[in-house]
Amino acid sequence: MNTTKTRIYISGALTGIDNLDKIKAFYTAIGSLCDEIGFQSYVPHLNTDPIGHPNISPRQVFDTDKQQVSKSNLVIAYIGYASLGVGMELAYADTNAIPIILLYERGKVISRFPRGIPTVFSEIEFKDYKDALTQLESVLKQWRQQHK
């Protein structure tokens, strides 16, 4: 029996964001949901946040986050804010054939480029963070069943 937990990388903008504490709490809640379901989540701001970890160099952030994406089995990306870092993480996921779930608010205009990534298997449009987590839980449980 395979006892290795599925690793999930939680991607989301951390720079140039209004209500940064609220969005960080959302990312943390996504990670907690993943952990509760039985996955192993990696939430970047808990390890390399520009405010919480100011002494980590840009190169260390790049190396750490790239490695974490590359060894993940699934990436969940909040794309409600434009972010170069999130775009790069999605490109690494695609390059490594890692499945992606995209999250964004209903009614937001979202670039077609990330939505067209071949490894995106689910897009969740939500009305609020609670709705996002409810929909995400359903998608993750389905995904887990399909990948047992």
N, C-alpha and C. Protein backbone atom coordinates (compact mmCIF):
# COMPACT_ATOMS: atom_id res chain seq x y z
N MET A 1 0.85 -1.19 0.00
CA MET A 1 0.00 0.00 0.00
C MET A 1 0.88 1.25 0.00
N ASN A 2 0.54 2.23 -0.83
CA ASN A 2 1.30 3.47 -0.92
C ASN A 2 0.88 4.39 0.22
N THR A 3 1.83 4.72 1.11
CA THR A 3 1.51 5.58 2.25
C THR A 3 1.97 7.01 2.03
N THR A 4 2.54 7.32 0.88
CA THR A 4 2.97 8.67 0.58
C THR A 4 1.76 9.55 0.35
N LYS A 5 1.71 10.67 1.05
CA LYS A 5 0.60 11.59 0.90
C LYS A 5 0.75 12.39 -0.39
N THR A 6 -0.37 12.67 -1.00
CA THR A 6 -0.41 13.55 -2.16
C THR A 6 -0.01 14.95 -1.71
N ARG A 7 0.94 15.54 -2.42
CA ARG A 7 1.46 16.87 -2.09
C ARG A 7 0.75 17.92 -2.94
N ILE A 8 0.22 18.94 -2.28
CA ILE A 8 -0.49 20.01 -2.98
C ILE A 8 0.17 21.35 -2.69
N TYR A 9 0.50 22.06 -3.76
CA TYR A 9 1.10 23.39 -3.67
C TYR A 9 -0.02 24.42 -3.81
N ILE A 10 -0.09 25.36 -2.88
CA ILE A 10 -1.11 26.41 -2.90
C ILE A 10 -0.46 27.68 -3.45
N SER A 11 -0.88 28.09 -4.62
CA SER A 11 -0.30 29.24 -5.30
C SER A 11 -1.25 30.44 -5.22
N GLY A 12 -0.69 31.61 -4.95
CA GLY A 12 -1.49 32.83 -4.91
C GLY A 12 -0.62 34.05 -4.74
N ALA A 13 -1.08 35.17 -5.22
CA ALA A 13 -0.33 36.42 -5.17
C ALA A 13 -0.09 36.86 -3.72
N LEU A 14 1.10 37.43 -3.48
CA LEU A 14 1.45 37.97 -2.16
C LEU A 14 1.94 39.41 -2.24
N THR A 15 2.09 39.94 -3.42
CA THR A 15 2.66 41.27 -3.59
C THR A 15 1.66 42.19 -4.29
N GLY A 16 1.55 43.42 -3.80
CA GLY A 16 0.67 44.40 -4.42
C GLY A 16 -0.80 44.09 -4.23
N ILE A 17 -1.15 43.51 -3.10
CA ILE A 17 -2.52 43.05 -2.83
C ILE A 17 -3.16 43.93 -1.75
N ASP A 18 -4.40 44.35 -1.99
CA ASP A 18 -5.19 44.98 -0.93
C ASP A 18 -5.69 43.86 -0.03
N ASN A 19 -5.93 44.15 1.23
CA ASN A 19 -6.45 43.15 2.18
C ASN A 19 -5.55 41.91 2.23
N LEU A 20 -4.25 42.12 2.33
CA LEU A 20 -3.28 41.02 2.30
C LEU A 20 -3.54 40.00 3.41
N ASP A 21 -3.89 40.45 4.60
CA ASP A 21 -4.15 39.49 5.69
C ASP A 21 -5.33 38.58 5.35
N LYS A 22 -6.35 39.13 4.72
CA LYS A 22 -7.52 38.34 4.34
C LYS A 22 -7.16 37.29 3.29
N ILE A 23 -6.37 37.66 2.29
CA ILE A 23 -6.01 36.71 1.24
C ILE A 23 -5.06 35.64 1.79
N LYS A 24 -4.16 36.02 2.68
CA LYS A 24 -3.28 35.03 3.31
C LYS A 24 -4.10 34.03 4.13
N ALA A 25 -5.12 34.52 4.82
CA ALA A 25 -5.99 33.63 5.59
C ALA A 25 -6.72 32.66 4.65
N PHE A 26 -7.10 33.13 3.46
CA PHE A 26 -7.73 32.27 2.47
C PHE A 26 -6.77 31.17 2.02
N TYR A 27 -5.52 31.53 1.72
CA TYR A 27 -4.52 30.54 1.31
C TYR A 27 -4.30 29.51 2.43
N THR A 28 -4.23 30.00 3.66
CA THR A 28 -4.04 29.10 4.80
C THR A 28 -5.24 28.16 4.95
N ALA A 29 -6.44 28.69 4.75
CA ALA A 29 -7.65 27.86 4.83
C ALA A 29 -7.66 26.79 3.74
N ILE A 30 -7.18 27.13 2.55
CA ILE A 30 -7.07 26.13 1.47
C ILE A 30 -6.11 25.03 1.91
N GLY A 31 -4.96 25.41 2.45
CA GLY A 31 -4.00 24.42 2.93
C GLY A 31 -4.58 23.55 4.03
N SER A 32 -5.29 24.15 4.95
CA SER A 32 -5.91 23.39 6.05
C SER A 32 -6.95 22.41 5.51
N LEU A 33 -7.75 22.84 4.54
CA LEU A 33 -8.73 21.96 3.92
C LEU A 33 -8.03 20.75 3.29
N CYS A 34 -6.98 21.01 2.56
CA CYS A 34 -6.22 19.92 1.93
C CYS A 34 -5.71 18.94 2.99
N ASP A 35 -5.16 19.47 4.06
CA ASP A 35 -4.63 18.63 5.14
C ASP A 35 -5.73 17.81 5.80
N GLU A 36 -6.89 18.44 6.02
CA GLU A 36 -8.03 17.74 6.64
C GLU A 36 -8.50 16.57 5.78
N ILE A 37 -8.45 16.73 4.47
CA ILE A 37 -8.88 15.67 3.56
C ILE A 37 -7.86 14.54 3.51
N GLY A 38 -6.63 14.82 3.92
CA GLY A 38 -5.60 13.78 3.94
C GLY A 38 -4.44 14.02 3.01
N PHE A 39 -4.40 15.21 2.41
CA PHE A 39 -3.27 15.58 1.56
C PHE A 39 -2.21 16.28 2.41
N GLN A 40 -1.07 16.55 1.80
CA GLN A 40 -0.01 17.33 2.44
C GLN A 40 0.12 18.64 1.67
N SER A 41 -0.23 19.74 2.31
CA SER A 41 -0.21 21.02 1.60
C SER A 41 1.08 21.78 1.87
N TYR A 42 1.43 22.61 0.89
CA TYR A 42 2.53 23.56 1.03
C TYR A 42 1.97 24.93 0.71
N VAL A 43 1.97 25.82 1.71
CA VAL A 43 1.46 27.17 1.56
C VAL A 43 2.66 28.12 1.61
N PRO A 44 3.08 28.67 0.47
CA PRO A 44 4.33 29.43 0.41
C PRO A 44 4.48 30.55 1.43
N HIS A 45 3.42 31.32 1.69
CA HIS A 45 3.62 32.46 2.59
C HIS A 45 3.96 32.03 4.02
N LEU A 46 3.68 30.80 4.36
CA LEU A 46 4.06 30.32 5.69
C LEU A 46 5.56 30.08 5.79
N ASN A 47 6.24 30.05 4.64
CA ASN A 47 7.67 29.75 4.61
C ASN A 47 8.53 30.83 3.97
N THR A 48 8.00 31.53 2.98
CA THR A 48 8.83 32.50 2.24
C THR A 48 8.13 33.84 2.04
N ASP A 49 7.20 34.20 2.90
CA ASP A 49 6.45 35.45 2.78
C ASP A 49 7.40 36.65 2.80
N PRO A 50 7.19 37.61 1.89
CA PRO A 50 8.08 38.77 1.86
C PRO A 50 8.04 39.61 3.14
N ILE A 51 6.92 39.63 3.84
CA ILE A 51 6.82 40.39 5.09
C ILE A 51 7.26 39.54 6.28
N GLY A 52 6.78 38.33 6.35
CA GLY A 52 7.09 37.45 7.48
C GLY A 52 8.50 36.89 7.47
N HIS A 53 9.11 36.82 6.29
CA HIS A 53 10.46 36.27 6.14
C HIS A 53 11.30 37.19 5.26
N PRO A 54 11.52 38.44 5.70
CA PRO A 54 12.20 39.42 4.85
C PRO A 54 13.67 39.11 4.56
N ASN A 55 14.29 38.25 5.35
CA ASN A 55 15.71 37.94 5.16
C ASN A 55 15.97 36.84 4.14
N ILE A 56 14.92 36.25 3.61
CA ILE A 56 15.09 35.23 2.58
C ILE A 56 15.29 35.95 1.25
N SER A 57 16.36 35.62 0.57
CA SER A 57 16.69 36.32 -0.67
C SER A 57 15.73 35.93 -1.80
N PRO A 58 15.62 36.79 -2.82
CA PRO A 58 14.78 36.43 -3.96
C PRO A 58 15.20 35.09 -4.58
N ARG A 59 16.49 34.82 -4.64
CA ARG A 59 16.95 33.54 -5.21
C ARG A 59 16.51 32.36 -4.36
N GLN A 60 16.56 32.52 -3.03
CA GLN A 60 16.10 31.44 -2.15
C GLN A 60 14.59 31.20 -2.31
N VAL A 61 13.83 32.28 -2.46
CA VAL A 61 12.39 32.14 -2.68
C VAL A 61 12.15 31.39 -3.99
N PHE A 62 12.83 31.80 -5.04
CA PHE A 62 12.69 31.13 -6.34
C PHE A 62 13.01 29.65 -6.23
N ASP A 63 14.19 29.34 -5.66
CA ASP A 63 14.61 27.94 -5.56
C ASP A 63 13.64 27.12 -4.72
N THR A 64 13.22 27.67 -3.59
CA THR A 64 12.30 26.95 -2.69
C THR A 64 10.96 26.69 -3.35
N ASP A 65 10.36 27.74 -3.89
CA ASP A 65 9.03 27.59 -4.46
C ASP A 65 9.04 26.74 -5.73
N LYS A 66 10.07 26.90 -6.55
CA LYS A 66 10.18 26.07 -7.75
C LYS A 66 10.30 24.59 -7.37
N GLN A 67 11.12 24.30 -6.37
CA GLN A 67 11.28 22.92 -5.91
C GLN A 67 9.96 22.37 -5.35
N GLN A 68 9.26 23.19 -4.58
CA GLN A 68 7.99 22.74 -3.99
C GLN A 68 6.94 22.47 -5.07
N VAL A 69 6.87 23.34 -6.08
CA VAL A 69 5.94 23.09 -7.18
C VAL A 69 6.31 21.80 -7.89
N SER A 70 7.59 21.65 -8.20
CA SER A 70 8.06 20.51 -8.99
C SER A 70 7.82 19.17 -8.32
N LYS A 71 7.82 19.14 -6.99
CA LYS A 71 7.60 17.86 -6.32
C LYS A 71 6.17 17.67 -5.83
N SER A 72 5.29 18.56 -6.26
CA SER A 72 3.88 18.44 -5.91
C SER A 72 3.16 17.52 -6.88
N ASN A 73 2.04 16.97 -6.42
CA ASN A 73 1.18 16.14 -7.26
C ASN A 73 0.01 16.93 -7.83
N LEU A 74 -0.21 18.11 -7.26
CA LEU A 74 -1.35 18.94 -7.64
C LEU A 74 -1.04 20.37 -7.23
N VAL A 75 -1.47 21.34 -8.05
CA VAL A 75 -1.33 22.76 -7.71
C VAL A 75 -2.72 23.38 -7.68
N ILE A 76 -3.00 24.12 -6.61
CA ILE A 76 -4.22 24.90 -6.51
C ILE A 76 -3.78 26.35 -6.59
N ALA A 77 -4.31 27.08 -7.57
CA ALA A 77 -3.88 28.46 -7.78
C ALA A 77 -5.05 29.42 -7.73
N TYR A 78 -4.93 30.40 -6.84
CA TYR A 78 -5.88 31.50 -6.82
C TYR A 78 -5.37 32.53 -7.83
N ILE A 79 -6.16 32.80 -8.87
CA ILE A 79 -5.72 33.71 -9.93
C ILE A 79 -6.60 34.96 -10.01
N GLY A 80 -7.18 35.34 -8.90
CA GLY A 80 -8.01 36.53 -8.85
C GLY A 80 -7.23 37.83 -8.91
N TYR A 81 -5.93 37.77 -8.66
CA TYR A 81 -5.03 38.91 -8.81
C TYR A 81 -3.94 38.50 -9.79
N ALA A 82 -3.58 39.42 -10.68
CA ALA A 82 -2.48 39.15 -11.60
C ALA A 82 -1.18 39.05 -10.79
N SER A 83 -0.37 38.04 -11.10
CA SER A 83 0.87 37.83 -10.36
C SER A 83 1.88 37.11 -11.24
N LEU A 84 3.06 37.72 -11.36
CA LEU A 84 4.13 37.06 -12.12
C LEU A 84 4.54 35.75 -11.46
N GLY A 85 4.62 35.74 -10.13
CA GLY A 85 5.01 34.53 -9.42
C GLY A 85 4.04 33.38 -9.65
N VAL A 86 2.75 33.67 -9.56
CA VAL A 86 1.73 32.63 -9.79
C VAL A 86 1.83 32.13 -11.23
N GLY A 87 2.02 33.03 -12.17
CA GLY A 87 2.17 32.62 -13.56
C GLY A 87 3.35 31.69 -13.76
N MET A 88 4.46 31.99 -13.11
CA MET A 88 5.63 31.12 -13.21
C MET A 88 5.37 29.77 -12.56
N GLU A 89 4.70 29.78 -11.41
CA GLU A 89 4.38 28.51 -10.75
C GLU A 89 3.48 27.64 -11.63
N LEU A 90 2.52 28.27 -12.30
CA LEU A 90 1.65 27.51 -13.19
C LEU A 90 2.43 26.96 -14.38
N ALA A 91 3.38 27.72 -14.88
CA ALA A 91 4.21 27.24 -15.99
C ALA A 91 5.05 26.04 -15.55
N TYR A 92 5.61 26.10 -14.34
CA TYR A 92 6.37 24.95 -13.83
C TYR A 92 5.47 23.73 -13.66
N ALA A 93 4.27 23.96 -13.17
CA ALA A 93 3.34 22.84 -13.02
C ALA A 93 3.04 22.22 -14.39
N ASP A 94 2.77 23.04 -15.37
CA ASP A 94 2.48 22.53 -16.70
C ASP A 94 3.68 21.78 -17.27
N THR A 95 4.86 22.36 -17.13
CA THR A 95 6.08 21.72 -17.64
C THR A 95 6.29 20.34 -17.02
N ASN A 96 5.88 20.19 -15.77
CA ASN A 96 6.05 18.92 -15.06
C ASN A 96 4.79 18.06 -15.11
N ALA A 97 3.82 18.42 -15.95
CA ALA A 97 2.57 17.68 -16.12
C ALA A 97 1.82 17.49 -14.79
N ILE A 98 1.84 18.53 -13.97
CA ILE A 98 1.16 18.50 -12.68
C ILE A 98 -0.24 19.09 -12.86
N PRO A 99 -1.27 18.36 -12.45
CA PRO A 99 -2.64 18.87 -12.56
C PRO A 99 -2.83 20.17 -11.77
N ILE A 100 -3.71 21.02 -12.28
CA ILE A 100 -3.95 22.34 -11.69
C ILE A 100 -5.44 22.57 -11.50
N ILE A 101 -5.77 23.17 -10.34
CA ILE A 101 -7.11 23.68 -10.07
C ILE A 101 -6.98 25.20 -9.98
N LEU A 102 -7.80 25.92 -10.74
CA LEU A 102 -7.80 27.38 -10.70
C LEU A 102 -8.99 27.87 -9.89
N LEU A 103 -8.76 28.91 -9.10
CA LEU A 103 -9.80 29.54 -8.29
C LEU A 103 -9.86 31.03 -8.60
N TYR A 104 -11.06 31.55 -8.76
CA TYR A 104 -11.23 33.00 -8.92
C TYR A 104 -12.69 33.36 -8.71
N GLU A 105 -12.89 34.65 -8.39
CA GLU A 105 -14.23 35.14 -8.10
C GLU A 105 -15.09 35.17 -9.36
N ARG A 106 -16.35 34.78 -9.19
CA ARG A 106 -17.33 34.86 -10.28
C ARG A 106 -17.43 36.31 -10.74
N GLY A 107 -17.38 36.51 -12.05
CA GLY A 107 -17.51 37.84 -12.60
C GLY A 107 -16.19 38.56 -12.83
N LYS A 108 -15.09 38.04 -12.30
CA LYS A 108 -13.78 38.66 -12.55
C LYS A 108 -13.31 38.32 -13.94
N VAL A 109 -12.66 39.27 -14.57
CA VAL A 109 -12.07 39.02 -15.88
C VAL A 109 -10.71 38.38 -15.66
N ILE A 110 -10.56 37.16 -16.15
CA ILE A 110 -9.34 36.38 -15.94
C ILE A 110 -8.71 36.10 -17.30
N SER A 111 -7.41 36.25 -17.37
CA SER A 111 -6.68 35.98 -18.61
C SER A 111 -6.97 34.57 -19.11
N ARG A 112 -7.11 34.43 -20.40
CA ARG A 112 -7.35 33.12 -20.99
C ARG A 112 -6.10 32.24 -20.96
N PHE A 113 -4.93 32.85 -20.88
CA PHE A 113 -3.69 32.07 -20.93
C PHE A 113 -3.62 31.02 -19.83
N PRO A 114 -3.73 31.38 -18.54
CA PRO A 114 -3.68 30.33 -17.51
C PRO A 114 -4.85 29.36 -17.61
N ARG A 115 -5.99 29.85 -18.04
CA ARG A 115 -7.17 29.00 -18.17
C ARG A 115 -6.99 27.98 -19.29
N GLY A 116 -6.07 28.24 -20.20
CA GLY A 116 -5.83 27.34 -21.32
C GLY A 116 -4.72 26.33 -21.09
N ILE A 117 -4.09 26.36 -19.93
CA ILE A 117 -3.01 25.40 -19.64
C ILE A 117 -3.58 23.99 -19.72
N PRO A 118 -2.95 23.10 -20.48
CA PRO A 118 -3.49 21.76 -20.67
C PRO A 118 -3.68 20.94 -19.39
N THR A 119 -2.90 21.21 -18.35
CA THR A 119 -3.03 20.40 -17.13
C THR A 119 -4.10 20.94 -16.17
N VAL A 120 -4.74 22.07 -16.53
CA VAL A 120 -5.86 22.56 -15.71
C VAL A 120 -7.03 21.59 -15.89
N PHE A 121 -7.48 21.01 -14.80
CA PHE A 121 -8.60 20.07 -14.90
C PHE A 121 -9.85 20.60 -14.22
N SER A 122 -9.73 21.71 -13.49
CA SER A 122 -10.91 22.28 -12.84
C SER A 122 -10.73 23.78 -12.66
N GLU A 123 -11.80 24.51 -12.95
CA GLU A 123 -11.86 25.94 -12.66
C GLU A 123 -13.02 26.15 -11.71
N ILE A 124 -12.72 26.79 -10.60
CA ILE A 124 -13.75 27.06 -9.60
C ILE A 124 -14.00 28.56 -9.56
N GLU A 125 -15.19 28.95 -9.99
CA GLU A 125 -15.62 30.34 -9.87
C GLU A 125 -16.48 30.43 -8.62
N PHE A 126 -16.13 31.33 -7.73
CA PHE A 126 -16.83 31.38 -6.44
C PHE A 126 -17.37 32.76 -6.14
N LYS A 127 -18.35 32.81 -5.22
CA LYS A 127 -18.93 34.10 -4.82
C LYS A 127 -18.22 34.69 -3.62
N ASP A 128 -17.70 33.83 -2.73
CA ASP A 128 -16.92 34.28 -1.57
C ASP A 128 -16.00 33.14 -1.16
N TYR A 129 -15.14 33.39 -0.21
CA TYR A 129 -14.14 32.39 0.17
C TYR A 129 -14.78 31.11 0.71
N LYS A 130 -15.87 31.26 1.44
CA LYS A 130 -16.56 30.06 1.96
C LYS A 130 -17.06 29.20 0.81
N ASP A 131 -17.65 29.82 -0.19
CA ASP A 131 -18.11 29.10 -1.38
C ASP A 131 -16.93 28.44 -2.09
N ALA A 132 -15.82 29.14 -2.17
CA ALA A 132 -14.62 28.57 -2.81
C ALA A 132 -14.18 27.30 -2.10
N LEU A 133 -14.14 27.34 -0.78
CA LEU A 133 -13.69 26.18 0.00
C LEU A 133 -14.67 25.01 -0.13
N THR A 134 -15.96 25.31 -0.16
CA THR A 134 -16.97 24.26 -0.32
C THR A 134 -16.81 23.56 -1.68
N GLN A 135 -16.69 24.36 -2.74
CA GLN A 135 -16.51 23.79 -4.07
C GLN A 135 -15.19 23.04 -4.17
N LEU A 136 -14.14 23.61 -3.60
CA LEU A 136 -12.82 22.98 -3.65
C LEU A 136 -12.83 21.64 -2.95
N GLU A 137 -13.49 21.56 -1.81
CA GLU A 137 -13.57 20.29 -1.08
C GLU A 137 -14.17 19.20 -1.96
N SER A 138 -15.23 19.52 -2.66
CA SER A 138 -15.87 18.55 -3.55
C SER A 138 -14.93 18.11 -4.66
N VAL A 139 -14.25 19.06 -5.30
CA VAL A 139 -13.33 18.74 -6.39
C VAL A 139 -12.16 17.88 -5.88
N LEU A 140 -11.62 18.24 -4.72
CA LEU A 140 -10.49 17.47 -4.16
C LEU A 140 -10.89 16.04 -3.80
N LYS A 141 -12.06 15.87 -3.25
CA LYS A 141 -12.51 14.52 -2.90
C LYS A 141 -12.74 13.68 -4.15
N GLN A 142 -13.28 14.30 -5.20
CA GLN A 142 -13.43 13.59 -6.48
C GLN A 142 -12.08 13.21 -7.05
N TRP A 143 -11.15 14.16 -7.03
CA TRP A 143 -9.81 13.93 -7.57
C TRP A 143 -9.12 12.77 -6.83
N ARG A 144 -9.28 12.79 -5.50
CA ARG A 144 -8.67 11.73 -4.68
C ARG A 144 -9.23 10.36 -5.06
N GLN A 145 -10.54 10.29 -5.27
CA GLN A 145 -11.16 9.02 -5.66
C GLN A 145 -10.62 8.52 -7.00
N GLN A 146 -10.41 9.43 -7.92
CA GLN A 146 -9.93 9.06 -9.25
C GLN A 146 -8.45 8.67 -9.27
N HIS A 147 -7.71 9.06 -8.23
CA HIS A 147 -6.26 8.81 -8.21
C HIS A 147 -5.80 7.89 -7.09
N LYS A 148 -6.71 7.05 -6.65
CA LYS A 148 -6.36 6.06 -5.62
C LYS A 148 -5.53 4.95 -6.21
